Amino acid sequence: QLLCDALECEIAPLQQIDTVVIDSSSFTKVRADVYRLSFTLRNTAPTPIATPAVELSLTDLQDHVLVRRVFPATELGKNASVIEPGVELAVMIPISVKATGVAERVSGYRLLSFYP
C-alpha cells in the first residue's frame, strides 16, 4: 500500500470471473412494460472477489436479442463492490421496457457476468 500511495495508484479487489457464479435468476412480468429481474451472484473463490457487472439481454421467441442493458457493480447493491468467499449477493432490479413494440415480444432473457 505504501508503494502504491507513492506511485498514486490504487489496489483494487481481485477480478476472477471464473469464480463468480450466477446461482439462480428469474425474470417476471409485473405489468405491460415493467418486469422484475432477480438473480444471485456467488463467490466460489477462497478470497474476496470484485463484484462484476451483469449484462441482461431480452430475447424474442426466436432467441434474437431485442434489448441489452449492462448493470455495473455500483447498481447491484449499496455494499456490492466485493463479494466475500462463499457469500451470495442477492439482487432484485425493476426493469422498464419503453421501446415501442418491444415489451410485447419479450419471451426470454440471458444474463452474463463480466468485468468491464
PDB file of N, CA and C in Angstrom:
ATOM      1  N   GLN A   1       0.825  -1.189   0.000  1.00  0.00           N
ATOM      2  CA  GLN A   1       0.000   0.000   0.000  1.00  0.00           C
ATOM      3  C   GLN A   1       0.870   1.253   0.000  1.00  0.00           C
ATOM      4  N   LEU A   2       1.991   1.233   0.749  1.00  0.00           N
ATOM      5  CA  LEU A   2       2.890   2.393   0.795  1.00  0.00           C
ATOM      6  C   LEU A   2       3.445   2.713  -0.584  1.00  0.00           C
ATOM      7  N   LEU A   3       3.876   1.685  -1.300  1.00  0.00           N
ATOM      8  CA  LEU A   3       4.400   1.888  -2.651  1.00  0.00           C
ATOM      9  C   LEU A   3       3.318   2.447  -3.574  1.00  0.00           C
ATOM     10  N   CYS A   4       2.139   1.921  -3.441  1.00  0.00           N
ATOM     11  CA  CYS A   4       1.041   2.390  -4.282  1.00  0.00           C
ATOM     12  C   CYS A   4       0.687   3.850  -3.952  1.00  0.00           C
ATOM     13  N   ASP A   5       0.732   4.208  -2.685  1.00  0.00           N
ATOM     14  CA  ASP A   5       0.485   5.602  -2.305  1.00  0.00           C
ATOM     15  C   ASP A   5       1.510   6.526  -2.957  1.00  0.00           C
ATOM     16  N   ALA A   6       2.776   6.114  -2.954  1.00  0.00           N
ATOM     17  CA  ALA A   6       3.832   6.931  -3.548  1.00  0.00           C
ATOM     18  C   ALA A   6       3.673   7.054  -5.061  1.00  0.00           C
ATOM     19  N   LEU A   7       3.185   5.989  -5.703  1.00  0.00           N
ATOM     20  CA  LEU A   7       3.013   5.989  -7.160  1.00  0.00           C
ATOM     21  C   LEU A   7       1.635   6.484  -7.594  1.00  0.00           C
ATOM     22  N   GLU A   8       0.811   6.857  -6.618  1.00  0.00           N
ATOM     23  CA  GLU A   8      -0.548   7.329  -6.883  1.00  0.00           C
ATOM     24  C   GLU A   8      -1.373   6.312  -7.657  1.00  0.00           C
ATOM     25  N   CYS A   9      -1.275   5.056  -7.229  1.00  0.00           N
ATOM     26  CA  CYS A   9      -2.090   4.008  -7.841  1.00  0.00           C
ATOM     27  C   CYS A   9      -3.093   3.502  -6.808  1.00  0.00           C
ATOM     28  N   GLU A  10      -3.924   2.600  -7.211  1.00  0.00           N
ATOM     29  CA  GLU A  10      -4.952   2.070  -6.325  1.00  0.00           C
ATOM     30  C   GLU A  10      -4.950   0.552  -6.367  1.00  0.00           C
ATOM     31  N   ILE A  11      -5.044  -0.059  -5.202  1.00  0.00           N
ATOM     32  CA  ILE A  11      -5.142  -1.511  -5.136  1.00  0.00           C
ATOM     33  C   ILE A  11      -6.625  -1.857  -5.123  1.00  0.00           C
ATOM     34  N   ALA A  12      -7.057  -2.594  -6.115  1.00  0.00           N
ATOM     35  CA  ALA A  12      -8.470  -2.953  -6.258  1.00  0.00           C
ATOM     36  C   ALA A  12      -8.662  -4.423  -5.923  1.00  0.00           C
ATOM     37  N   PRO A  13      -9.897  -4.805  -5.606  1.00  0.00           N
ATOM     38  CA  PRO A  13     -10.170  -6.222  -5.337  1.00  0.00           C
ATOM     39  C   PRO A  13      -9.843  -7.093  -6.559  1.00  0.00           C
ATOM     40  N   LEU A  14      -9.511  -8.338  -6.293  1.00  0.00           N
ATOM     41  CA  LEU A  14      -9.191  -9.312  -7.329  1.00  0.00           C
ATOM     42  C   LEU A  14     -10.381  -9.506  -8.262  1.00  0.00           C
ATOM     43  N   GLN A  15     -10.112  -9.527  -9.565  1.00  0.00           N
ATOM     44  CA  GLN A  15     -11.143  -9.813 -10.567  1.00  0.00           C
ATOM     45  C   GLN A  15     -10.878 -11.198 -11.136  1.00  0.00           C
ATOM     46  N   GLN A  16     -11.725 -12.139 -10.809  1.00  0.00           N
ATOM     47  CA  GLN A  16     -11.555 -13.521 -11.242  1.00  0.00           C
ATOM     48  C   GLN A  16     -12.938 -14.054 -11.632  1.00  0.00           C
ATOM     49  N   ILE A  17     -13.348 -13.786 -12.866  1.00  0.00           N
ATOM     50  CA  ILE A  17     -14.720 -14.049 -13.300  1.00  0.00           C
ATOM     51  C   ILE A  17     -15.105 -15.524 -13.241  1.00  0.00           C
ATOM     52  N   ASP A  18     -14.142 -16.421 -13.386  1.00  0.00           N
ATOM     53  CA  ASP A  18     -14.481 -17.846 -13.365  1.00  0.00           C
ATOM     54  C   ASP A  18     -14.890 -18.331 -11.975  1.00  0.00           C
ATOM     55  N   THR A  19     -14.714 -17.520 -10.948  1.00  0.00           N
ATOM     56  CA  THR A  19     -15.135 -17.910  -9.607  1.00  0.00           C
ATOM     57  C   THR A  19     -16.468 -17.280  -9.199  1.00  0.00           C
ATOM     58  N   VAL A  20     -17.037 -16.454 -10.076  1.00  0.00           N
ATOM     59  CA  VAL A  20     -18.336 -15.838  -9.809  1.00  0.00           C
ATOM     60  C   VAL A  20     -19.394 -16.614 -10.584  1.00  0.00           C
ATOM     61  N   VAL A  21     -20.397 -17.103  -9.855  1.00  0.00           N
ATOM     62  CA  VAL A  21     -21.434 -17.931 -10.450  1.00  0.00           C
ATOM     63  C   VAL A  21     -22.780 -17.217 -10.305  1.00  0.00           C
ATOM     64  N   ILE A  22     -23.565 -17.210 -11.396  1.00  0.00           N
ATOM     65  CA  ILE A  22     -24.957 -16.770 -11.298  1.00  0.00           C
ATOM     66  C   ILE A  22     -25.728 -18.003 -10.846  1.00  0.00           C
ATOM     67  N   ASP A  23     -26.042 -18.045  -9.552  1.00  0.00           N
ATOM     68  CA  ASP A  23     -26.625 -19.232  -8.935  1.00  0.00           C
ATOM     69  C   ASP A  23     -28.075 -19.455  -9.335  1.00  0.00           C
ATOM     70  N   SER A  24     -28.848 -18.419  -9.371  1.00  0.00           N
ATOM     71  CA  SER A  24     -30.251 -18.535  -9.758  1.00  0.00           C
ATOM     72  C   SER A  24     -30.690 -17.199 -10.325  1.00  0.00           C
ATOM     73  N   SER A  25     -31.736 -17.231 -11.137  1.00  0.00           N
ATOM     74  CA  SER A  25     -32.254 -15.991 -11.698  1.00  0.00           C
ATOM     75  C   SER A  25     -33.717 -16.177 -12.087  1.00  0.00           C
ATOM     76  N   SER A  26     -34.428 -15.062 -12.129  1.00  0.00           N
ATOM     77  CA  SER A  26     -35.803 -15.060 -12.625  1.00  0.00           C
ATOM     78  C   SER A  26     -36.085 -13.699 -13.248  1.00  0.00           C
ATOM     79  N   PHE A  27     -36.985 -13.719 -14.217  1.00  0.00           N
ATOM     80  CA  PHE A  27     -37.389 -12.501 -14.917  1.00  0.00           C
ATOM     81  C   PHE A  27     -38.907 -12.567 -15.010  1.00  0.00           C
ATOM     82  N   THR A  28     -39.594 -11.729 -14.241  1.00  0.00           N
ATOM     83  CA  THR A  28     -41.038 -11.818 -14.088  1.00  0.00           C
ATOM     84  C   THR A  28     -41.718 -10.554 -14.588  1.00  0.00           C
ATOM     85  N   LYS A  29     -42.801 -10.735 -15.334  1.00  0.00           N
ATOM     86  CA  LYS A  29     -43.582  -9.593 -15.810  1.00  0.00           C
ATOM     87  C   LYS A  29     -44.458  -9.094 -14.675  1.00  0.00           C
ATOM     88  N   VAL A  30     -44.371  -7.784 -14.384  1.00  0.00           N
ATOM     89  CA  VAL A  30     -45.164  -7.165 -13.329  1.00  0.00           C
ATOM     90  C   VAL A  30     -46.370  -6.460 -13.927  1.00  0.00           C
ATOM     91  N   ARG A  31     -46.127  -5.703 -15.003  1.00  0.00           N
ATOM     92  CA  ARG A  31     -47.182  -5.009 -15.764  1.00  0.00           C
ATOM     93  C   ARG A  31     -46.804  -5.079 -17.235  1.00  0.00           C
ATOM     94  N   ALA A  32     -47.547  -4.427 -18.077  1.00  0.00           N
ATOM     95  CA  ALA A  32     -47.347  -4.499 -19.531  1.00  0.00           C
ATOM     96  C   ALA A  32     -45.912  -4.210 -19.953  1.00  0.00           C
ATOM     97  N   ASP A  33     -45.282  -3.205 -19.367  1.00  0.00           N
ATOM     98  CA  ASP A  33     -43.921  -2.848 -19.767  1.00  0.00           C
ATOM     99  C   ASP A  33     -42.939  -2.844 -18.590  1.00  0.00           C
ATOM    100  N   VAL A  34     -43.317  -3.448 -17.483  1.00  0.00           N
ATOM    101  CA  VAL A  34     -42.463  -3.479 -16.295  1.00  0.00           C
ATOM    102  C   VAL A  34     -42.222  -4.928 -15.889  1.00  0.00           C
ATOM    103  N   TYR A  35     -40.943  -5.237 -15.649  1.00  0.00           N
ATOM    104  CA  TYR A  35     -40.523  -6.585 -15.254  1.00  0.00           C
ATOM    105  C   TYR A  35     -39.704  -6.501 -13.981  1.00  0.00           C
ATOM    106  N   ARG A  36     -39.487  -7.638 -13.335  1.00  0.00           N
ATOM    107  CA  ARG A  36     -38.619  -7.719 -12.168  1.00  0.00           C
ATOM    108  C   ARG A  36     -37.544  -8.758 -12.452  1.00  0.00           C
ATOM    109  N   LEU A  37     -36.300  -8.327 -12.407  1.00  0.00           N
ATOM    110  CA  LEU A  37     -35.159  -9.216 -12.584  1.00  0.00           C
ATOM    111  C   LEU A  37     -34.579  -9.527 -11.209  1.00  0.00           C
ATOM    112  N   SER A  38     -34.467 -10.813 -10.900  1.00  0.00           N
ATOM    113  CA  SER A  38     -33.854 -11.244  -9.645  1.00  0.00           C
ATOM    114  C   SER A  38     -32.773 -12.261  -9.972  1.00  0.00           C
ATOM    115  N   PHE A  39     -31.628 -12.144  -9.313  1.00  0.00           N
ATOM    116  CA  PHE A  39     -30.569 -13.126  -9.503  1.00  0.00           C
ATOM    117  C   PHE A  39     -29.652 -13.125  -8.297  1.00  0.00           C
ATOM    118  N   THR A  40     -28.873 -14.186  -8.186  1.00  0.00           N
ATOM    119  CA  THR A  40     -27.923 -14.327  -7.092  1.00  0.00           C
ATOM    120  C   THR A  40     -26.540 -14.587  -7.662  1.00  0.00           C
ATOM    121  N   LEU A  41     -25.570 -13.782  -7.257  1.00  0.00           N
ATOM    122  CA  LEU A  41     -24.168 -13.999  -7.604  1.00  0.00           C
ATOM    123  C   LEU A  41     -23.497 -14.653  -6.407  1.00  0.00           C
ATOM    124  N   ARG A  42     -22.694 -15.687  -6.649  1.00  0.00           N
ATOM    125  CA  ARG A  42     -21.994 -16.377  -5.567  1.00  0.00           C
ATOM    126  C   ARG A  42     -20.506 -16.439  -5.871  1.00  0.00           C
ATOM    127  N   ASN A  43     -19.704 -16.130  -4.871  1.00  0.00           N
ATOM    128  CA  ASN A  43     -18.250 -16.196  -4.977  1.00  0.00           C
ATOM    129  C   ASN A  43     -17.802 -17.587  -4.538  1.00  0.00           C
ATOM    130  N   THR A  44     -17.226 -18.361  -5.451  1.00  0.00           N
ATOM    131  CA  THR A  44     -16.739 -19.701  -5.134  1.00  0.00           C
ATOM    132  C   THR A  44     -15.251 -19.711  -4.788  1.00  0.00           C
ATOM    133  N   ALA A  45     -14.611 -18.558  -4.833  1.00  0.00           N
ATOM    134  CA  ALA A  45     -13.172 -18.456  -4.538  1.00  0.00           C
ATOM    135  C   ALA A  45     -12.930 -18.426  -3.030  1.00  0.00           C
ATOM    136  N   PRO A  46     -11.723 -18.777  -2.607  1.00  0.00           N
ATOM    137  CA  PRO A  46     -11.386 -18.711  -1.181  1.00  0.00           C
ATOM    138  C   PRO A  46     -11.003 -17.298  -0.719  1.00  0.00           C
ATOM    139  N   THR A  47     -11.036 -16.334  -1.630  1.00  0.00           N
ATOM    140  CA  THR A  47     -10.675 -14.950  -1.322  1.00  0.00           C
ATOM    141  C   THR A  47     -11.792 -14.008  -1.771  1.00  0.00           C
ATOM    142  N   PRO A  48     -11.834 -12.778  -1.250  1.00  0.00           N
ATOM    143  CA  PRO A  48     -12.818 -11.800  -1.733  1.00  0.00           C
ATOM    144  C   PRO A  48     -12.596 -11.504  -3.213  1.00  0.00           C
ATOM    145  N   ILE A  49     -13.674 -11.318  -3.939  1.00  0.00           N
ATOM    146  CA  ILE A  49     -13.626 -11.059  -5.381  1.00  0.00           C
ATOM    147  C   ILE A  49     -14.410  -9.789  -5.686  1.00  0.00           C
ATOM    148  N   ALA A  50     -13.921  -8.989  -6.624  1.00  0.00           N
ATOM    149  CA  ALA A  50     -14.648  -7.799  -7.056  1.00  0.00           C
ATOM    150  C   ALA A  50     -15.976  -8.217  -7.676  1.00  0.00           C
ATOM    151  N   THR A  51     -17.012  -7.490  -7.359  1.00  0.00           N
ATOM    152  CA  THR A  51     -18.326  -7.767  -7.942  1.00  0.00           C
ATOM    153  C   THR A  51     -18.293  -7.389  -9.423  1.00  0.00           C
ATOM    154  N   PRO A  52     -18.698  -8.300 -10.298  1.00  0.00           N
ATOM    155  CA  PRO A  52     -18.682  -7.989 -11.728  1.00  0.00           C
ATOM    156  C   PRO A  52     -19.911  -7.192 -12.144  1.00  0.00           C
ATOM    157  N   ALA A  53     -19.853  -6.673 -13.355  1.00  0.00           N
ATOM    158  CA  ALA A  53     -21.041  -6.090 -13.980  1.00  0.00           C
ATOM    159  C   ALA A  53     -21.881  -7.253 -14.511  1.00  0.00           C
ATOM    160  N   VAL A  54     -23.157  -7.000 -14.749  1.00  0.00           N
ATOM    161  CA  VAL A  54     -24.053  -8.030 -15.283  1.00  0.00           C
ATOM    162  C   VAL A  54     -24.762  -7.464 -16.502  1.00  0.00           C
ATOM    163  N   GLU A  55     -24.730  -8.241 -17.593  1.00  0.00           N
ATOM    164  CA  GLU A  55     -25.431  -7.853 -18.815  1.00  0.00           C
ATOM    165  C   GLU A  55     -26.728  -8.644 -18.908  1.00  0.00           C
ATOM    166  N   LEU A  56     -27.842  -7.930 -19.126  1.00  0.00           N
ATOM    167  CA  LEU A  56     -29.145  -8.544 -19.350  1.00  0.00           C
ATOM    168  C   LEU A  56     -29.494  -8.378 -20.819  1.00  0.00           C
ATOM    169  N   SER A  57     -29.818  -9.487 -21.478  1.00  0.00           N
ATOM    170  CA  SER A  57     -30.301  -9.457 -22.859  1.00  0.00           C
ATOM    171  C   SER A  57     -31.718  -9.996 -22.870  1.00  0.00           C
ATOM    172  N   LEU A  58     -32.663  -9.212 -23.375  1.00  0.00           N
ATOM    173  CA  LEU A  58     -34.042  -9.672 -23.520  1.00  0.00           C
ATOM    174  C   LEU A  58     -34.196 -10.233 -24.922  1.00  0.00           C
ATOM    175  N   THR A  59     -34.815 -11.406 -25.029  1.00  0.00           N
ATOM    176  CA  THR A  59     -34.915 -12.085 -26.317  1.00  0.00           C
ATOM    177  C   THR A  59     -36.365 -12.329 -26.713  1.00  0.00           C
ATOM    178  N   ASP A  60     -36.564 -12.583 -28.023  1.00  0.00           N
ATOM    179  CA  ASP A  60     -37.893 -12.911 -28.529  1.00  0.00           C
ATOM    180  C   ASP A  60     -38.030 -14.426 -28.673  1.00  0.00           C
ATOM    181  N   LEU A  61     -39.105 -14.885 -29.296  1.00  0.00           N
ATOM    182  CA  LEU A  61     -39.351 -16.323 -29.455  1.00  0.00           C
ATOM    183  C   LEU A  61     -38.264 -17.041 -30.244  1.00  0.00           C
ATOM    184  N   GLN A  62     -37.596 -16.345 -31.159  1.00  0.00           N
ATOM    185  CA  GLN A  62     -36.528 -16.938 -31.962  1.00  0.00           C
ATOM    186  C   GLN A  62     -35.153 -16.767 -31.295  1.00  0.00           C
ATOM    187  N   ASP A  63     -35.127 -16.315 -30.062  1.00  0.00           N
ATOM    188  CA  ASP A  63     -33.914 -16.086 -29.285  1.00  0.00           C
ATOM    189  C   ASP A  63     -33.052 -14.961 -29.860  1.00  0.00           C
ATOM    190  N   HIS A  64     -33.666 -14.043 -30.613  1.00  0.00           N
ATOM    191  CA  HIS A  64     -32.966 -12.853 -31.097  1.00  0.00           C
ATOM    192  C   HIS A  64     -32.995 -11.799 -30.001  1.00  0.00           C
ATOM    193  N   VAL A  65     -31.893 -11.119 -29.827  1.00  0.00           N
ATOM    194  CA  VAL A  65     -31.796 -10.099 -28.788  1.00  0.00           C
ATOM    195  C   VAL A  65     -32.600  -8.871 -29.203  1.00  0.00           C
ATOM    196  N   LEU A  66     -33.507  -8.453 -28.315  1.00  0.00           N
ATOM    197  CA  LEU A  66     -34.317  -7.260 -28.543  1.00  0.00           C
ATOM    198  C   LEU A  66     -33.704  -6.035 -27.873  1.00  0.00           C
ATOM    199  N   VAL A  67     -33.219  -6.233 -26.654  1.00  0.00           N
ATOM    200  CA  VAL A  67     -32.666  -5.142 -25.852  1.00  0.00           C
ATOM    201  C   VAL A  67     -31.541  -5.701 -24.991  1.00  0.00           C
ATOM    202  N   ARG A  68     -30.489  -4.904 -24.832  1.00  0.00           N
ATOM    203  CA  ARG A  68     -29.397  -5.251 -23.913  1.00  0.00           C
ATOM    204  C   ARG A  68     -29.235  -4.116 -22.919  1.00  0.00           C
ATOM    205  N   ARG A  69     -28.889  -4.489 -21.705  1.00  0.00           N
ATOM    206  CA  ARG A  69     -28.601  -3.474 -20.679  1.00  0.00           C
ATOM    207  C   ARG A  69     -27.528  -4.018 -19.772  1.00  0.00           C
ATOM    208  N   VAL A  70     -26.546  -3.187 -19.453  1.00  0.00           N
ATOM    209  CA  VAL A  70     -25.470  -3.564 -18.536  1.00  0.00           C
ATOM    210  C   VAL A  70     -25.717  -2.875 -17.202  1.00  0.00           C
ATOM    211  N   PHE A  71     -25.615  -3.668 -16.134  1.00  0.00           N
ATOM    212  CA  PHE A  71     -25.726  -3.158 -14.778  1.00  0.00           C
ATOM    213  C   PHE A  71     -24.339  -3.225 -14.146  1.00  0.00           C
ATOM    214  N   PRO A  72     -23.703  -2.063 -13.944  1.00  0.00           N
ATOM    215  CA  PRO A  72     -22.388  -2.074 -13.288  1.00  0.00           C
ATOM    216  C   PRO A  72     -22.549  -2.502 -11.831  1.00  0.00           C
ATOM    217  N   ALA A  73     -21.467  -2.911 -11.214  1.00  0.00           N
ATOM    218  CA  ALA A  73     -21.497  -3.373  -9.824  1.00  0.00           C
ATOM    219  C   ALA A  73     -22.116  -2.324  -8.902  1.00  0.00           C
ATOM    220  N   THR A  74     -21.931  -1.060  -9.215  1.00  0.00           N
ATOM    221  CA  THR A  74     -22.481   0.015  -8.369  1.00  0.00           C
ATOM    222  C   THR A  74     -24.004   0.014  -8.344  1.00  0.00           C
ATOM    223  N   GLU A  75     -24.656  -0.608  -9.328  1.00  0.00           N
ATOM    224  CA  GLU A  75     -26.117  -0.667  -9.371  1.00  0.00           C
ATOM    225  C   GLU A  75     -26.675  -1.961  -8.782  1.00  0.00           C
ATOM    226  N   LEU A  76     -25.812  -2.848  -8.307  1.00  0.00           N
ATOM    227  CA  LEU A  76     -26.270  -4.145  -7.816  1.00  0.00           C
ATOM    228  C   LEU A  76     -26.528  -4.170  -6.312  1.00  0.00           C
ATOM    229  N   GLY A  77     -26.208  -3.126  -5.609  1.00  0.00           N
ATOM    230  CA  GLY A  77     -26.429  -3.060  -4.165  1.00  0.00           C
ATOM    231  C   GLY A  77     -25.510  -2.042  -3.540  1.00  0.00           C
ATOM    232  N   LYS A  78     -25.912  -1.535  -2.387  1.00  0.00           N
ATOM    233  CA  LYS A  78     -25.115  -0.458  -1.799  1.00  0.00           C
ATOM    234  C   LYS A  78     -23.767  -0.923  -1.259  1.00  0.00           C
ATOM    235  N   ASN A  79     -23.638  -2.190  -0.915  1.00  0.00           N
ATOM    236  CA  ASN A  79     -22.359  -2.725  -0.445  1.00  0.00           C
ATOM    237  C   ASN A  79     -21.872  -3.827  -1.370  1.00  0.00           C
ATOM    238  N   ALA A  80     -21.978  -3.605  -2.661  1.00  0.00           N
ATOM    239  CA  ALA A  80     -21.726  -4.673  -3.630  1.00  0.00           C
ATOM    240  C   ALA A  80     -20.387  -4.574  -4.339  1.00  0.00           C
ATOM    241  N   SER A  81     -19.405  -3.857  -3.798  1.00  0.00           N
ATOM    242  CA  SER A  81     -18.132  -3.737  -4.507  1.00  0.00           C
ATOM    243  C   SER A  81     -17.292  -5.012  -4.437  1.00  0.00           C
ATOM    244  N   VAL A  82     -17.487  -5.797  -3.375  1.00  0.00           N
ATOM    245  CA  VAL A  82     -16.738  -7.041  -3.184  1.00  0.00           C
ATOM    246  C   VAL A  82     -17.693  -8.129  -2.708  1.00  0.00           C
ATOM    247  N   ILE A  83     -17.494  -9.343  -3.213  1.00  0.00           N
ATOM    248  CA  ILE A  83     -18.245 -10.497  -2.718  1.00  0.00           C
ATOM    249  C   ILE A  83     -17.258 -11.349  -1.918  1.00  0.00           C
ATOM    250  N   GLU A  84     -17.556 -11.545  -0.669  1.00  0.00           N
ATOM    251  CA  GLU A  84     -16.677 -12.314   0.208  1.00  0.00           C
ATOM    252  C   GLU A  84     -16.721 -13.798  -0.164  1.00  0.00           C
ATOM    253  N   PRO A  85     -15.730 -14.587   0.246  1.00  0.00           N
ATOM    254  CA  PRO A  85     -15.687 -16.018  -0.080  1.00  0.00           C
ATOM    255  C   PRO A  85     -16.944 -16.757   0.395  1.00  0.00           C
ATOM    256  N   GLY A  86     -17.534 -17.523  -0.508  1.00  0.00           N
ATOM    257  CA  GLY A  86     -18.701 -18.329  -0.174  1.00  0.00           C
ATOM    258  C   GLY A  86     -19.982 -17.554   0.039  1.00  0.00           C
ATOM    259  N   VAL A  87     -19.953 -16.257  -0.158  1.00  0.00           N
ATOM    260  CA  VAL A  87     -21.116 -15.405   0.097  1.00  0.00           C
ATOM    261  C   VAL A  87     -21.928 -15.233  -1.185  1.00  0.00           C
ATOM    262  N   GLU A  88     -23.255 -15.122  -1.011  1.00  0.00           N
ATOM    263  CA  GLU A  88     -24.150 -14.862  -2.138  1.00  0.00           C
ATOM    264  C   GLU A  88     -24.630 -13.421  -2.078  1.00  0.00           C
ATOM    265  N   LEU A  89     -24.680 -12.782  -3.234  1.00  0.00           N
ATOM    266  CA  LEU A  89     -25.193 -11.426  -3.358  1.00  0.00           C
ATOM    267  C   LEU A  89     -26.526 -11.525  -4.096  1.00  0.00           C
ATOM    268  N   ALA A  90     -27.627 -11.325  -3.382  1.00  0.00           N
ATOM    269  CA  ALA A  90     -28.959 -11.386  -3.982  1.00  0.00           C
ATOM    270  C   ALA A  90     -29.326  -9.997  -4.508  1.00  0.00           C
ATOM    271  N   VAL A  91     -29.782  -9.957  -5.768  1.00  0.00           N
ATOM    272  CA  VAL A  91     -30.087  -8.694  -6.429  1.00  0.00           C
ATOM    273  C   VAL A  91     -31.505  -8.751  -6.995  1.00  0.00           C
ATOM    274  N   MET A  92     -32.263  -7.671  -6.820  1.00  0.00           N
ATOM    275  CA  MET A  92     -33.587  -7.544  -7.415  1.00  0.00           C
ATOM    276  C   MET A  92     -33.660  -6.159  -8.049  1.00  0.00           C
ATOM    277  N   ILE A  93     -33.929  -6.119  -9.365  1.00  0.00           N
ATOM    278  CA  ILE A  93     -33.940  -4.863 -10.106  1.00  0.00           C
ATOM    279  C   ILE A  93     -35.240  -4.748 -10.893  1.00  0.00           C
ATOM    280  N   PRO A  94     -35.975  -3.631 -10.740  1.00  0.00           N
ATOM    281  CA  PRO A  94     -37.133  -3.417 -11.606  1.00  0.00           C
ATOM    282  C   PRO A  94     -36.646  -2.963 -12.985  1.00  0.00           C
ATOM    283  N   ILE A  95     -37.244  -3.516 -14.037  1.00  0.00           N
ATOM    284  CA  ILE A  95     -36.853  -3.195 -15.418  1.00  0.00           C
ATOM    285  C   ILE A  95     -38.071  -2.631 -16.135  1.00  0.00           C
ATOM    286  N   SER A  96     -37.911  -1.489 -16.753  1.00  0.00           N
ATOM    287  CA  SER A  96     -38.982  -0.901 -17.551  1.00  0.00           C
ATOM    288  C   SER A  96     -38.568  -0.943 -19.022  1.00  0.00           C
ATOM    289  N   VAL A  97     -39.409  -1.527 -19.857  1.00  0.00           N
ATOM    290  CA  VAL A  97     -39.125  -1.630 -21.295  1.00  0.00           C
ATOM    291  C   VAL A  97     -40.048  -0.649 -22.010  1.00  0.00           C
ATOM    292  N   LYS A  98     -39.493   0.478 -22.418  1.00  0.00           N
ATOM    293  CA  LYS A  98     -40.288   1.551 -23.017  1.00  0.00           C
ATOM    294  C   LYS A  98     -40.250   1.571 -24.538  1.00  0.00           C
ATOM    295  N   ALA A  99     -39.348   0.815 -25.164  1.00  0.00           N
ATOM    296  CA  ALA A  99     -39.246   0.831 -26.628  1.00  0.00           C
ATOM    297  C   ALA A  99     -40.555   0.331 -27.241  1.00  0.00           C
ATOM    298  N   THR A 100     -41.050   1.018 -28.233  1.00  0.00           N
ATOM    299  CA  THR A 100     -42.319   0.694 -28.864  1.00  0.00           C
ATOM    300  C   THR A 100     -42.328  -0.715 -29.434  1.00  0.00           C
ATOM    301  N   GLY A 101     -43.295  -1.511 -28.998  1.00  0.00           N
ATOM    302  CA  GLY A 101     -43.474  -2.857 -29.521  1.00  0.00           C
ATOM    303  C   GLY A 101     -42.532  -3.908 -28.972  1.00  0.00           C
ATOM    304  N   VAL A 102     -41.552  -3.526 -28.188  1.00  0.00           N
ATOM    305  CA  VAL A 102     -40.564  -4.484 -27.692  1.00  0.00           C
ATOM    306  C   VAL A 102     -41.125  -5.305 -26.532  1.00  0.00           C
ATOM    307  N   ALA A 103     -41.791  -4.644 -25.581  1.00  0.00           N
ATOM    308  CA  ALA A 103     -42.285  -5.341 -24.386  1.00  0.00           C
ATOM    309  C   ALA A 103     -43.185  -6.514 -24.755  1.00  0.00           C
ATOM    310  N   GLU A 104     -43.983  -6.366 -25.800  1.00  0.00           N
ATOM    311  CA  GLU A 104     -44.904  -7.434 -26.213  1.00  0.00           C
ATOM    312  C   GLU A 104     -44.169  -8.634 -26.802  1.00  0.00           C
ATOM    313  N   ARG A 105     -42.948  -8.436 -27.303  1.00  0.00           N
ATOM    314  CA  ARG A 105     -42.202  -9.506 -27.965  1.00  0.00           C
ATOM    315  C   ARG A 105     -41.223 -10.223 -27.043  1.00  0.00           C
ATOM    316  N   VAL A 106     -41.023  -9.722 -25.832  1.00  0.00           N
ATOM    317  CA  VAL A 106     -40.075 -10.336 -24.901  1.00  0.00           C
ATOM    318  C   VAL A 106     -40.600 -11.706 -24.474  1.00  0.00           C
ATOM    319  N   SER A 107     -39.782 -12.736 -24.693  1.00  0.00           N
ATOM    320  CA  SER A 107     -40.185 -14.080 -24.268  1.00  0.00           C
ATOM    321  C   SER A 107     -39.093 -14.780 -23.450  1.00  0.00           C
ATOM    322  N   GLY A 108     -37.907 -14.200 -23.388  1.00  0.00           N
ATOM    323  CA  GLY A 108     -36.822 -14.819 -22.642  1.00  0.00           C
ATOM    324  C   GLY A 108     -35.760 -13.799 -22.275  1.00  0.00           C
ATOM    325  N   TYR A 109     -34.732 -14.281 -21.604  1.00  0.00           N
ATOM    326  CA  TYR A 109     -33.637 -13.398 -21.184  1.00  0.00           C
ATOM    327  C   TYR A 109     -32.366 -14.212 -21.001  1.00  0.00           C
ATOM    328  N   ARG A 110     -31.243 -13.503 -21.027  1.00  0.00           N
ATOM    329  CA  ARG A 110     -29.930 -14.092 -20.742  1.00  0.00           C
ATOM    330  C   ARG A 110     -29.182 -13.160 -19.810  1.00  0.00           C
ATOM    331  N   LEU A 111     -28.427 -13.745 -18.892  1.00  0.00           N
ATOM    332  CA  LEU A 111     -27.572 -12.969 -18.002  1.00  0.00           C
ATOM    333  C   LEU A 111     -26.123 -13.394 -18.203  1.00  0.00           C
ATOM    334  N   LEU A 112     -25.239 -12.425 -18.173  1.00  0.00           N
ATOM    335  CA  LEU A 112     -23.818 -12.675 -18.311  1.00  0.00           C
ATOM    336  C   LEU A 112     -23.088 -11.783 -17.328  1.00  0.00           C
ATOM    337  N   SER A 113     -22.206 -12.365 -16.522  1.00  0.00           N
ATOM    338  CA  SER A 113     -21.389 -11.535 -15.625  1.00  0.00           C
ATOM    339  C   SER A 113     -20.020 -11.345 -16.274  1.00  0.00           C
ATOM    340  N   PHE A 114     -19.454 -10.151 -16.103  1.00  0.00           N
ATOM    341  CA  PHE A 114     -18.160  -9.830 -16.714  1.00  0.00           C
ATOM    342  C   PHE A 114     -17.537  -8.646 -15.999  1.00  0.00           C
ATOM    343  N   TYR A 115     -16.240  -8.456 -16.223  1.00  0.00           N
ATOM    344  CA  TYR A 115     -15.535  -7.282 -15.720  1.00  0.00           C
ATOM    345  C   TYR A 115     -15.278  -6.348 -16.886  1.00  0.00           C
ATOM    346  N   PRO A 116     -15.763  -5.115 -16.770  1.00  0.00           N
ATOM    347  CA  PRO A 116     -15.537  -4.148 -17.859  1.00  0.00           C
ATOM    348  C   PRO A 116     -14.077  -3.727 -17.960  1.00  0.00           C
TER     349      PRO A 116
END
